[in-house]
Amino acid sequence: MRWIFYVVATAALIASSAWFAASPDDTKWMPALASALVVWSEAVGTLALRRRRDSTTRAANDERVERG
């Protein structure tokens, strides 16, 4: 599931780089902002997946202790 974030981040970075190369001088900051937003969203998504996996693991461990 984490690979989705990497694919989207890579595609966005490639697109923003192409946009950066083709944009006029006064809008050169926009691709940098877009890239920063992609990296930030990837970090947040990875953190959310990690927390979800940790809570699922804890729930499974609690269930095993109750049965044992």
Protein backbone atom coordinates (compact mmCIF):
# COMPACT_ATOMS: atom_id res chain seq x y z
CA MET A 1 0.00 0.00 0.00
CA ARG A 2 2.89 2.36 0.68
CA TRP A 3 3.99 2.11 -2.95
CA ILE A 4 1.01 4.25 -3.97
CA PHE A 5 2.52 7.22 -2.12
CA TYR A 6 5.87 6.69 -3.83
CA VAL A 7 4.29 6.46 -7.30
CA VAL A 8 2.22 9.61 -6.77
CA ALA A 9 5.20 11.49 -5.33
CA THR A 10 7.43 10.49 -8.24
CA ALA A 11 4.81 11.44 -10.83
CA ALA A 12 4.19 14.78 -9.14
CA LEU A 13 7.89 15.57 -8.93
CA ILE A 14 8.36 14.75 -12.62
CA ALA A 15 5.34 16.85 -13.58
CA SER A 16 6.44 19.77 -11.43
CA SER A 17 9.94 19.59 -12.89
CA ALA A 18 8.50 19.75 -16.41
CA TRP A 19 6.29 22.64 -15.35
CA PHE A 20 9.29 24.38 -13.80
CA ALA A 21 11.21 24.10 -17.06
CA ALA A 22 8.31 25.49 -19.12
CA SER A 23 7.03 28.20 -16.79
CA PRO A 24 7.89 31.89 -17.03
CA ASP A 25 10.21 33.41 -14.44
CA ASP A 26 7.52 34.93 -12.22
CA THR A 27 5.86 31.55 -11.45
CA LYS A 28 8.96 29.44 -10.77
CA TRP A 29 8.03 29.09 -7.08
CA MET A 30 4.82 27.14 -7.83
CA PRO A 31 6.48 23.83 -8.78
CA ALA A 32 8.62 23.99 -5.65
CA LEU A 33 5.48 24.49 -3.57
CA ALA A 34 3.76 21.60 -5.36
CA SER A 35 6.74 19.33 -4.72
CA ALA A 36 6.82 20.31 -1.05
CA LEU A 37 3.10 19.54 -0.72
CA VAL A 38 3.59 16.12 -2.30
CA VAL A 39 6.45 15.25 0.03
CA TRP A 40 4.44 16.47 3.03
CA SER A 41 1.36 14.43 2.04
CA GLU A 42 3.54 11.36 1.53
CA ALA A 43 4.95 11.75 5.03
CA VAL A 44 1.48 12.16 6.53
CA GLY A 45 0.15 9.16 4.60
CA THR A 46 3.07 6.99 5.67
CA LEU A 47 2.54 8.01 9.29
CA ALA A 48 -1.17 7.19 9.05
CA LEU A 49 -0.44 3.76 7.57
CA ARG A 50 2.14 3.06 10.29
CA ARG A 51 -0.29 4.04 13.07
CA ARG A 52 -3.02 1.90 11.53
CA ARG A 53 -0.68 -1.08 11.29
CA ASP A 54 0.49 -0.58 14.89
CA SER A 55 -3.06 -0.38 16.23
CA THR A 56 -4.03 -3.51 14.28
CA THR A 57 -1.01 -5.36 15.67
CA ARG A 58 -1.82 -4.25 19.21
CA ALA A 59 -5.44 -5.37 18.83
CA ALA A 60 -4.31 -8.78 17.57
CA ASN A 61 -1.87 -9.15 20.47
CA ASP A 62 -4.54 -8.19 23.01
CA GLU A 63 -6.88 -10.78 21.50
CA ARG A 64 -4.21 -13.46 21.75
CA VAL A 65 -3.53 -12.66 25.43
CA GLU A 66 -7.24 -12.87 26.29
CA ARG A 67 -7.58 -16.28 24.63
CA GLY A 68 -4.40 -17.71 26.16
